[in-house]
PDB file of N, CA and C in Angstrom:
ATOM      1  N   UNK A   1     -30.964-157.403 -36.596  1.00  0.00           N
ATOM      2  CA  UNK A   1     -29.757-157.719 -35.866  1.00  0.00           C
ATOM      3  C   UNK A   1     -28.522-157.188 -36.573  1.00  0.00           C
ATOM      4  N   UNK A   2     -28.446-157.375 -37.898  1.00  0.00           N
ATOM      5  CA  UNK A   2     -27.300-156.908 -38.661  1.00  0.00           C
ATOM      6  C   UNK A   2     -27.191-155.385 -38.615  1.00  0.00           C
ATOM      7  N   UNK A   3     -28.332-154.725 -38.629  1.00  0.00           N
ATOM      8  CA  UNK A   3     -28.341-153.272 -38.610  1.00  0.00           C
ATOM      9  C   UNK A   3     -27.790-152.736 -37.283  1.00  0.00           C
ATOM     10  N   UNK A   4     -28.117-153.362 -36.178  1.00  0.00           N
ATOM     11  CA  UNK A   4     -27.648-152.897 -34.871  1.00  0.00           C
ATOM     12  C   UNK A   4     -26.138-153.115 -34.702  1.00  0.00           C
ATOM     13  N   UNK A   5     -25.606-154.204 -35.261  1.00  0.00           N
ATOM     14  CA  UNK A   5     -24.160-154.445 -35.196  1.00  0.00           C
ATOM     15  C   UNK A   5     -23.426-153.419 -36.049  1.00  0.00           C
ATOM     16  N   UNK A   6     -23.944-153.117 -37.221  1.00  0.00           N
ATOM     17  CA  UNK A   6     -23.347-152.100 -38.092  1.00  0.00           C
ATOM     18  C   UNK A   6     -23.357-150.731 -37.435  1.00  0.00           C
ATOM     19  N   UNK A   7     -24.466-150.393 -36.803  1.00  0.00           N
ATOM     20  CA  UNK A   7     -24.571-149.114 -36.100  1.00  0.00           C
ATOM     21  C   UNK A   7     -23.580-149.055 -34.943  1.00  0.00           C
ATOM     22  N   UNK A   8     -23.422-150.164 -34.232  1.00  0.00           N
ATOM     23  CA  UNK A   8     -22.478-150.228 -33.126  1.00  0.00           C
ATOM     24  C   UNK A   8     -21.044-150.035 -33.611  1.00  0.00           C
ATOM     25  N   UNK A   9     -20.697-150.682 -34.709  1.00  0.00           N
ATOM     26  CA  UNK A   9     -19.344-150.543 -35.262  1.00  0.00           C
ATOM     27  C   UNK A   9     -19.066-149.111 -35.724  1.00  0.00           C
ATOM     28  N   UNK A  10     -20.022-148.485 -36.355  1.00  0.00           N
ATOM     29  CA  UNK A  10     -19.863-147.097 -36.797  1.00  0.00           C
ATOM     30  C   UNK A  10     -19.717-146.174 -35.591  1.00  0.00           C
ATOM     31  N   UNK A  11     -20.504-146.396 -34.558  1.00  0.00           N
ATOM     32  CA  UNK A  11     -20.418-145.583 -33.339  1.00  0.00           C
ATOM     33  C   UNK A  11     -19.049-145.734 -32.685  1.00  0.00           C
ATOM     34  N   UNK A  12     -18.525-146.965 -32.619  1.00  0.00           N
ATOM     35  CA  UNK A  12     -17.199-147.188 -32.042  1.00  0.00           C
ATOM     36  C   UNK A  12     -16.106-146.520 -32.878  1.00  0.00           C
ATOM     37  N   UNK A  13     -16.214-146.595 -34.185  1.00  0.00           N
ATOM     38  CA  UNK A  13     -15.219-145.984 -35.058  1.00  0.00           C
ATOM     39  C   UNK A  13     -15.195-144.468 -34.903  1.00  0.00           C
ATOM     40  N   UNK A  14     -16.344-143.858 -34.752  1.00  0.00           N
ATOM     41  CA  UNK A  14     -16.425-142.407 -34.600  1.00  0.00           C
ATOM     42  C   UNK A  14     -15.941-141.970 -33.226  1.00  0.00           C
ATOM     43  N   UNK A  15     -16.159-142.778 -32.202  1.00  0.00           N
ATOM     44  CA  UNK A  15     -15.815-142.378 -30.844  1.00  0.00           C
ATOM     45  C   UNK A  15     -14.313-142.369 -30.588  1.00  0.00           C
ATOM     46  N   UNK A  16     -13.528-143.141 -31.344  1.00  0.00           N
ATOM     47  CA  UNK A  16     -12.073-143.124 -31.179  1.00  0.00           C
ATOM     48  C   UNK A  16     -11.502-141.932 -31.921  1.00  0.00           C
ATOM     49  N   UNK A  17     -10.696-141.164 -31.235  1.00  0.00           N
ATOM     50  CA  UNK A  17     -10.080-140.005 -31.892  1.00  0.00           C
ATOM     51  C   UNK A  17      -8.652-140.347 -32.284  1.00  0.00           C
ATOM     52  N   UNK A  18      -8.235-139.843 -33.411  1.00  0.00           N
ATOM     53  CA  UNK A  18      -6.880-140.081 -33.905  1.00  0.00           C
ATOM     54  C   UNK A  18      -5.940-138.984 -33.405  1.00  0.00           C
ATOM     55  N   UNK A  19      -4.730-139.366 -33.103  1.00  0.00           N
ATOM     56  CA  UNK A  19      -3.717-138.426 -32.654  1.00  0.00           C
ATOM     57  C   UNK A  19      -2.586-138.424 -33.678  1.00  0.00           C
ATOM     58  N   UNK A  20      -2.449-137.320 -34.383  1.00  0.00           N
ATOM     59  CA  UNK A  20      -1.432-137.224 -35.421  1.00  0.00           C
ATOM     60  C   UNK A  20      -0.214-136.475 -34.886  1.00  0.00           C
ATOM     61  N   UNK A  21       0.930-136.748 -35.480  1.00  0.00           N
ATOM     62  CA  UNK A  21       2.141-136.001 -35.173  1.00  0.00           C
ATOM     63  C   UNK A  21       3.028-136.011 -36.407  1.00  0.00           C
ATOM     64  N   UNK A  22       3.951-135.080 -36.454  1.00  0.00           N
ATOM     65  CA  UNK A  22       4.873-134.994 -37.578  1.00  0.00           C
ATOM     66  C   UNK A  22       6.225-134.529 -37.071  1.00  0.00           C
ATOM     67  N   UNK A  23       7.254-134.713 -37.870  1.00  0.00           N
ATOM     68  CA  UNK A  23       8.596-134.309 -37.504  1.00  0.00           C
ATOM     69  C   UNK A  23       8.927-132.986 -38.180  1.00  0.00           C
ATOM     70  N   UNK A  24       9.532-132.079 -37.419  1.00  0.00           N
ATOM     71  CA  UNK A  24       9.976-130.795 -37.942  1.00  0.00           C
ATOM     72  C   UNK A  24      11.504-130.797 -37.982  1.00  0.00           C
ATOM     73  N   UNK A  25      12.070-130.113 -38.967  1.00  0.00           N
ATOM     74  CA  UNK A  25      13.519-130.039 -39.147  1.00  0.00           C
ATOM     75  C   UNK A  25      13.930-128.577 -39.245  1.00  0.00           C
ATOM     76  N   UNK A  26      15.067-128.231 -38.642  1.00  0.00           N
ATOM     77  CA  UNK A  26      15.628-126.892 -38.807  1.00  0.00           C
ATOM     78  C   UNK A  26      16.941-127.036 -39.558  1.00  0.00           C
ATOM     79  N   UNK A  27      17.074-126.263 -40.639  1.00  0.00           N
ATOM     80  CA  UNK A  27      18.251-126.316 -41.501  1.00  0.00           C
ATOM     81  C   UNK A  27      18.907-124.949 -41.576  1.00  0.00           C
ATOM     82  N   UNK A  28      20.194-124.962 -41.941  1.00  0.00           N
ATOM     83  CA  UNK A  28      20.845-123.759 -42.422  1.00  0.00           C
ATOM     84  C   UNK A  28      21.149-124.048 -43.892  1.00  0.00           C
ATOM     85  N   UNK A  29      20.660-123.178 -44.763  1.00  0.00           N
ATOM     86  CA  UNK A  29      20.743-123.389 -46.205  1.00  0.00           C
ATOM     87  C   UNK A  29      21.648-122.329 -46.808  1.00  0.00           C
ATOM     88  N   UNK A  30      22.638-122.781 -47.587  1.00  0.00           N
ATOM     89  CA  UNK A  30      23.582-121.889 -48.253  1.00  0.00           C
ATOM     90  C   UNK A  30      23.568-122.186 -49.742  1.00  0.00           C
ATOM     91  N   UNK A  31      23.748-121.162 -50.534  1.00  0.00           N
ATOM     92  CA  UNK A  31      23.787-121.328 -51.985  1.00  0.00           C
ATOM     93  C   UNK A  31      25.190-121.731 -52.426  1.00  0.00           C
ATOM     94  N   UNK A  32      25.282-122.636 -53.403  1.00  0.00           N
ATOM     95  CA  UNK A  32      26.561-123.018 -54.002  1.00  0.00           C
ATOM     96  C   UNK A  32      26.852-122.207 -55.252  1.00  0.00           C
ATOM     97  N   UNK A  33      25.998-121.266 -55.565  1.00  0.00           N
ATOM     98  CA  UNK A  33      26.148-120.436 -56.749  1.00  0.00           C
ATOM     99  C   UNK A  33      27.337-119.490 -56.569  1.00  0.00           C
ATOM    100  N   UNK A  34      28.302-119.466 -57.509  1.00  0.00           N
ATOM    101  CA  UNK A  34      29.455-118.572 -57.360  1.00  0.00           C
ATOM    102  C   UNK A  34      29.049-117.094 -57.379  1.00  0.00           C
ATOM    103  N   UNK A  35      27.928-116.781 -58.015  1.00  0.00           N
ATOM    104  CA  UNK A  35      27.465-115.396 -58.044  1.00  0.00           C
ATOM    105  C   UNK A  35      26.887-114.972 -56.696  1.00  0.00           C
ATOM    106  N   UNK A  36      26.415-115.942 -55.902  1.00  0.00           N
ATOM    107  CA  UNK A  36      25.891-115.620 -54.577  1.00  0.00           C
ATOM    108  C   UNK A  36      27.007-115.119 -53.666  1.00  0.00           C
ATOM    109  N   UNK A  37      28.230-115.631 -53.856  1.00  0.00           N
ATOM    110  CA  UNK A  37      29.376-115.157 -53.068  1.00  0.00           C
ATOM    111  C   UNK A  37      29.683-113.715 -53.435  1.00  0.00           C
ATOM    112  N   UNK A  38      29.594-113.401 -54.719  1.00  0.00           N
ATOM    113  CA  UNK A  38      29.881-112.037 -55.172  1.00  0.00           C
ATOM    114  C   UNK A  38      28.831-111.050 -54.669  1.00  0.00           C
ATOM    115  N   UNK A  39      27.586-111.485 -54.546  1.00  0.00           N
ATOM    116  CA  UNK A  39      26.527-110.592 -54.072  1.00  0.00           C
ATOM    117  C   UNK A  39      26.338-110.676 -52.561  1.00  0.00           C
ATOM    118  N   UNK A  40      27.189-111.444 -51.887  1.00  0.00           N
ATOM    119  CA  UNK A  40      27.162-111.605 -50.429  1.00  0.00           C
ATOM    120  C   UNK A  40      25.819-112.151 -49.942  1.00  0.00           C
ATOM    121  N   UNK A  41      25.343-113.159 -50.634  1.00  0.00           N
ATOM    122  CA  UNK A  41      24.109-113.823 -50.223  1.00  0.00           C
ATOM    123  C   UNK A  41      24.366-114.591 -48.929  1.00  0.00           C
ATOM    124  N   UNK A  42      23.544-114.369 -47.922  1.00  0.00           N
ATOM    125  CA  UNK A  42      23.729-114.994 -46.616  1.00  0.00           C
ATOM    126  C   UNK A  42      23.024-116.334 -46.533  1.00  0.00           C
ATOM    127  N   UNK A  43      23.447-117.126 -45.585  1.00  0.00           N
ATOM    128  CA  UNK A  43      22.766-118.384 -45.292  1.00  0.00           C
ATOM    129  C   UNK A  43      21.436-118.077 -44.620  1.00  0.00           C
ATOM    130  N   UNK A  44      20.492-118.994 -44.764  1.00  0.00           N
ATOM    131  CA  UNK A  44      19.167-118.811 -44.175  1.00  0.00           C
ATOM    132  C   UNK A  44      18.855-119.973 -43.239  1.00  0.00           C
ATOM    133  N   UNK A  45      18.196-119.665 -42.130  1.00  0.00           N
ATOM    134  CA  UNK A  45      17.675-120.685 -41.233  1.00  0.00           C
ATOM    135  C   UNK A  45      16.261-121.008 -41.681  1.00  0.00           C
ATOM    136  N   UNK A  46      15.992-122.290 -41.910  1.00  0.00           N
ATOM    137  CA  UNK A  46      14.704-122.733 -42.429  1.00  0.00           C
ATOM    138  C   UNK A  46      14.141-123.813 -41.508  1.00  0.00           C
ATOM    139  N   UNK A  47      12.843-123.750 -41.211  1.00  0.00           N
ATOM    140  CA  UNK A  47      12.144-124.822 -40.503  1.00  0.00           C
ATOM    141  C   UNK A  47      11.170-125.437 -41.496  1.00  0.00           C
ATOM    142  N   UNK A  48      11.204-126.753 -41.613  1.00  0.00           N
ATOM    143  CA  UNK A  48      10.407-127.443 -42.621  1.00  0.00           C
ATOM    144  C   UNK A  48       9.958-128.799 -42.090  1.00  0.00           C
ATOM    145  N   UNK A  49       8.976-129.388 -42.766  1.00  0.00           N
ATOM    146  CA  UNK A  49       8.568-130.750 -42.464  1.00  0.00           C
ATOM    147  C   UNK A  49       9.190-131.745 -43.443  1.00  0.00           C
ATOM    148  N   UNK A  50       9.960-131.247 -44.409  1.00  0.00           N
ATOM    149  CA  UNK A  50      10.634-132.126 -45.354  1.00  0.00           C
ATOM    150  C   UNK A  50      11.910-132.677 -44.747  1.00  0.00           C
ATOM    151  N   UNK A  51      12.172-133.972 -44.938  1.00  0.00           N
ATOM    152  CA  UNK A  51      13.415-134.546 -44.435  1.00  0.00           C
ATOM    153  C   UNK A  51      14.588-134.006 -45.259  1.00  0.00           C
ATOM    154  N   UNK A  52      15.836-134.193 -44.811  1.00  0.00           N
ATOM    155  CA  UNK A  52      16.976-133.569 -45.503  1.00  0.00           C
ATOM    156  C   UNK A  52      17.075-133.892 -46.994  1.00  0.00           C
ATOM    157  N   UNK A  53      16.881-135.136 -47.374  1.00  0.00           N
ATOM    158  CA  UNK A  53      16.989-135.504 -48.793  1.00  0.00           C
ATOM    159  C   UNK A  53      15.883-134.850 -49.620  1.00  0.00           C
ATOM    160  N   UNK A  54      14.659-134.884 -49.113  1.00  0.00           N
ATOM    161  CA  UNK A  54      13.543-134.277 -49.845  1.00  0.00           C
ATOM    162  C   UNK A  54      13.713-132.763 -49.936  1.00  0.00           C
ATOM    163  N   UNK A  55      14.163-132.136 -48.850  1.00  0.00           N
ATOM    164  CA  UNK A  55      14.331-130.686 -48.842  1.00  0.00           C
ATOM    165  C   UNK A  55      15.350-130.265 -49.893  1.00  0.00           C
ATOM    166  N   UNK A  56      16.488-130.954 -49.921  1.00  0.00           N
ATOM    167  CA  UNK A  56      17.539-130.596 -50.872  1.00  0.00           C
ATOM    168  C   UNK A  56      17.078-130.801 -52.317  1.00  0.00           C
ATOM    169  N   UNK A  57      16.424-131.909 -52.603  1.00  0.00           N
ATOM    170  CA  UNK A  57      15.988-132.151 -53.981  1.00  0.00           C
ATOM    171  C   UNK A  57      14.882-131.194 -54.405  1.00  0.00           C
ATOM    172  N   UNK A  58      14.006-130.803 -53.484  1.00  0.00           N
ATOM    173  CA  UNK A  58      12.916-129.885 -53.805  1.00  0.00           C
ATOM    174  C   UNK A  58      13.399-128.456 -53.977  1.00  0.00           C
ATOM    175  N   UNK A  59      14.434-128.058 -53.237  1.00  0.00           N
ATOM    176  CA  UNK A  59      14.885-126.672 -53.241  1.00  0.00           C
ATOM    177  C   UNK A  59      16.204-126.440 -53.962  1.00  0.00           C
ATOM    178  N   UNK A  60      16.556-127.246 -54.921  1.00  0.00           N
ATOM    179  CA  UNK A  60      17.702-126.892 -55.739  1.00  0.00           C
ATOM    180  C   UNK A  60      18.745-127.955 -55.955  1.00  0.00           C
ATOM    181  N   UNK A  61      18.638-129.089 -55.321  1.00  0.00           N
ATOM    182  CA  UNK A  61      19.604-130.163 -55.552  1.00  0.00           C
ATOM    183  C   UNK A  61      21.024-129.753 -55.193  1.00  0.00           C
ATOM    184  N   UNK A  62      21.931-129.866 -56.152  1.00  0.00           N
ATOM    185  CA  UNK A  62      23.338-129.562 -55.906  1.00  0.00           C
ATOM    186  C   UNK A  62      23.639-128.072 -55.858  1.00  0.00           C
ATOM    187  N   UNK A  63      22.674-127.226 -56.149  1.00  0.00           N
ATOM    188  CA  UNK A  63      22.921-125.779 -56.120  1.00  0.00           C
ATOM    189  C   UNK A  63      22.828-125.199 -54.706  1.00  0.00           C
ATOM    190  N   UNK A  64      22.435-126.015 -53.723  1.00  0.00           N
ATOM    191  CA  UNK A  64      22.358-125.557 -52.339  1.00  0.00           C
ATOM    192  C   UNK A  64      23.045-126.557 -51.410  1.00  0.00           C
ATOM    193  N   UNK A  65      23.557-126.035 -50.304  1.00  0.00           N
ATOM    194  CA  UNK A  65      24.092-126.872 -49.234  1.00  0.00           C
ATOM    195  C   UNK A  65      23.103-126.804 -48.082  1.00  0.00           C
ATOM    196  N   UNK A  66      22.658-127.958 -47.619  1.00  0.00           N
ATOM    197  CA  UNK A  66      21.659-128.035 -46.556  1.00  0.00           C
ATOM    198  C   UNK A  66      22.283-128.749 -45.369  1.00  0.00           C
ATOM    199  N   UNK A  67      22.408-128.047 -44.241  1.00  0.00           N
ATOM    200  CA  UNK A  67      22.939-128.633 -43.019  1.00  0.00           C
ATOM    201  C   UNK A  67      21.829-128.720 -41.979  1.00  0.00           C
ATOM    202  N   UNK A  68      21.592-129.918 -41.466  1.00  0.00           N
ATOM    203  CA  UNK A  68      20.566-130.135 -40.449  1.00  0.00           C
ATOM    204  C   UNK A  68      21.088-129.657 -39.100  1.00  0.00           C
ATOM    205  N   UNK A  69      20.331-128.772 -38.444  1.00  0.00           N
ATOM    206  CA  UNK A  69      20.717-128.271 -37.135  1.00  0.00           C
ATOM    207  C   UNK A  69      20.054-129.048 -36.010  1.00  0.00           C
ATOM    208  N   UNK A  70      18.739-129.242 -36.105  1.00  0.00           N
ATOM    209  CA  UNK A  70      18.011-129.977 -35.075  1.00  0.00           C
ATOM    210  C   UNK A  70      16.671-130.442 -35.623  1.00  0.00           C
ATOM    211  N   UNK A  71      16.064-131.372 -34.913  1.00  0.00           N
ATOM    212  CA  UNK A  71      14.779-131.922 -35.314  1.00  0.00           C
ATOM    213  C   UNK A  71      13.948-132.205 -34.058  1.00  0.00           C
ATOM    214  N   UNK A  72      12.627-132.192 -34.206  1.00  0.00           N
ATOM    215  CA  UNK A  72      11.728-132.439 -33.075  1.00  0.00           C
ATOM    216  C   UNK A  72      10.380-132.918 -33.592  1.00  0.00           C
ATOM    217  N   UNK A  73       9.577-133.451 -32.679  1.00  0.00           N
ATOM    218  CA  UNK A  73       8.245-133.960 -33.007  1.00  0.00           C
ATOM    219  C   UNK A  73       7.202-132.912 -32.634  1.00  0.00           C
ATOM    220  N   UNK A  74       6.231-132.704 -33.520  1.00  0.00           N
ATOM    221  CA  UNK A  74       5.135-131.765 -33.281  1.00  0.00           C
ATOM    222  C   UNK A  74       3.814-132.536 -33.228  1.00  0.00           C
ATOM    223  N   UNK A  75       2.922-132.180 -32.310  1.00  0.00           N
ATOM    224  CA  UNK A  75       1.602-132.813 -32.290  1.00  0.00           C
ATOM    225  C   UNK A  75       0.718-132.206 -33.382  1.00  0.00           C
ATOM    226  N   UNK A  76      -0.251-132.960 -33.852  1.00  0.00           N
ATOM    227  CA  UNK A  76      -1.183-132.437 -34.847  1.00  0.00           C
ATOM    228  C   UNK A  76      -0.735-132.729 -36.265  1.00  0.00           C
ATOM    229  N   UNK A  77      -1.125-131.849 -37.175  1.00  0.00           N
ATOM    230  CA  UNK A  77      -0.776-132.009 -38.579  1.00  0.00           C
ATOM    231  C   UNK A  77      -0.590-130.626 -39.205  1.00  0.00           C
ATOM    232  N   UNK A  78      -0.052-130.584 -40.410  1.00  0.00           N
ATOM    233  CA  UNK A  78       0.244-129.306 -41.057  1.00  0.00           C
ATOM    234  C   UNK A  78      -0.738-128.969 -42.161  1.00  0.00           C
ATOM    235  N   UNK A  79      -1.901-129.605 -42.164  1.00  0.00           N
ATOM    236  CA  UNK A  79      -2.904-129.302 -43.172  1.00  0.00           C
ATOM    237  C   UNK A  79      -3.449-127.893 -43.029  1.00  0.00           C
ATOM    238  N   UNK A  80      -4.103-127.424 -44.034  1.00  0.00           N
ATOM    239  CA  UNK A  80      -4.715-126.090 -44.058  1.00  0.00           C
ATOM    240  C   UNK A  80      -3.701-124.974 -43.817  1.00  0.00           C
ATOM    241  N   UNK A  81      -2.484-125.174 -44.300  1.00  0.00           N
ATOM    242  CA  UNK A  81      -1.398-124.177 -44.208  1.00  0.00           C
ATOM    243  C   UNK A  81      -1.083-123.761 -42.772  1.00  0.00           C
ATOM    244  N   UNK A  82      -1.220-124.666 -41.864  1.00  0.00           N
ATOM    245  CA  UNK A  82      -0.863-124.370 -40.475  1.00  0.00           C
ATOM    246  C   UNK A  82       0.652-124.291 -40.356  1.00  0.00           C
ATOM    247  N   UNK A  83       1.151-123.394 -39.522  1.00  0.00           N
ATOM    248  CA  UNK A  83       2.605-123.272 -39.380  1.00  0.00           C
ATOM    249  C   UNK A  83       3.195-124.464 -38.619  1.00  0.00           C
ATOM    250  N   UNK A  84       4.466-124.711 -38.854  1.00  0.00           N
ATOM    251  CA  UNK A  84       5.182-125.758 -38.147  1.00  0.00           C
ATOM    252  C   UNK A  84       5.360-125.307 -36.699  1.00  0.00           C
ATOM    253  N   UNK A  85       5.211-126.217 -35.754  1.00  0.00           N
ATOM    254  CA  UNK A  85       5.323-125.844 -34.336  1.00  0.00           C
ATOM    255  C   UNK A  85       6.751-125.436 -33.997  1.00  0.00           C
ATOM    256  N   UNK A  86       6.897-124.658 -32.939  1.00  0.00           N
ATOM    257  CA  UNK A  86       8.212-124.214 -32.477  1.00  0.00           C
ATOM    258  C   UNK A  86       8.935-125.355 -31.768  1.00  0.00           C
ATOM    259  N   UNK A  87      10.250-125.236 -31.705  1.00  0.00           N
ATOM    260  CA  UNK A  87      11.055-126.205 -30.970  1.00  0.00           C
ATOM    261  C   UNK A  87      10.690-126.114 -29.485  1.00  0.00           C
ATOM    262  N   UNK A  88      10.557-127.220 -28.797  1.00  0.00           N
ATOM    263  CA  UNK A  88      10.141-127.180 -27.384  1.00  0.00           C
ATOM    264  C   UNK A  88      11.067-126.353 -26.497  1.00  0.00           C
ATOM    265  N   UNK A  89      12.366-126.347 -26.760  1.00  0.00           N
ATOM    266  CA  UNK A  89      13.297-125.591 -25.927  1.00  0.00           C
ATOM    267  C   UNK A  89      13.172-124.092 -26.153  1.00  0.00           C
ATOM    268  N   UNK A  90      12.618-123.681 -27.281  1.00  0.00           N
ATOM    269  CA  UNK A  90      12.428-122.251 -27.539  1.00  0.00           C
ATOM    270  C   UNK A  90      11.342-121.668 -26.636  1.00  0.00           C
ATOM    271  N   UNK A  91      10.481-122.493 -26.100  1.00  0.00           N
ATOM    272  CA  UNK A  91       9.365-122.028 -25.277  1.00  0.00           C
ATOM    273  C   UNK A  91       9.730-121.945 -23.786  1.00  0.00           C
ATOM    274  N   UNK A  92      10.748-122.681 -23.386  1.00  0.00           N
ATOM    275  CA  UNK A  92      11.099-122.729 -21.972  1.00  0.00           C
ATOM    276  C   UNK A  92      11.901-121.508 -21.548  1.00  0.00           C
ATOM    277  N   UNK A  93      11.702-121.096 -20.324  1.00  0.00           N
ATOM    278  CA  UNK A  93      12.508-120.041 -19.734  1.00  0.00           C
ATOM    279  C   UNK A  93      13.750-120.690 -19.138  1.00  0.00           C
ATOM    280  N   UNK A  94      14.882-120.373 -19.686  1.00  0.00           N
ATOM    281  CA  UNK A  94      16.122-120.963 -19.214  1.00  0.00           C
ATOM    282  C   UNK A  94      16.713-120.051 -18.166  1.00  0.00           C
ATOM    283  N   UNK A  95      16.930-120.582 -16.966  1.00  0.00           N
ATOM    284  CA  UNK A  95      17.518-119.800 -15.870  1.00  0.00           C
ATOM    285  C   UNK A  95      18.926-120.314 -15.623  1.00  0.00           C
ATOM    286  N   UNK A  96      19.849-119.424 -15.658  1.00  0.00           N
ATOM    287  CA  UNK A  96      21.237-119.800 -15.399  1.00  0.00           C
ATOM    288  C   UNK A  96      21.630-119.472 -13.986  1.00  0.00           C
TER     289      UNK A  96
END
């Protein structure tokens, strides 16, 4: 009896599928380095899964300015070096 209940519980656990999602952020990143101004270093548009505080601390702290442009939810996960999903509005055909 105990074996059949255990088998039933394992079967139920396997039959439910998990649905993962994550948040994506788009930033414009500028260097605060005075030498970057002299070399005409441009700002970069970056898409990341790191939130603004984590992104800034991981990529230079006070040496960079990080401005959040937009954020969105992506289905799935970013394991196995999968790319971050595109913004949903980038996929739509906009008709004026």
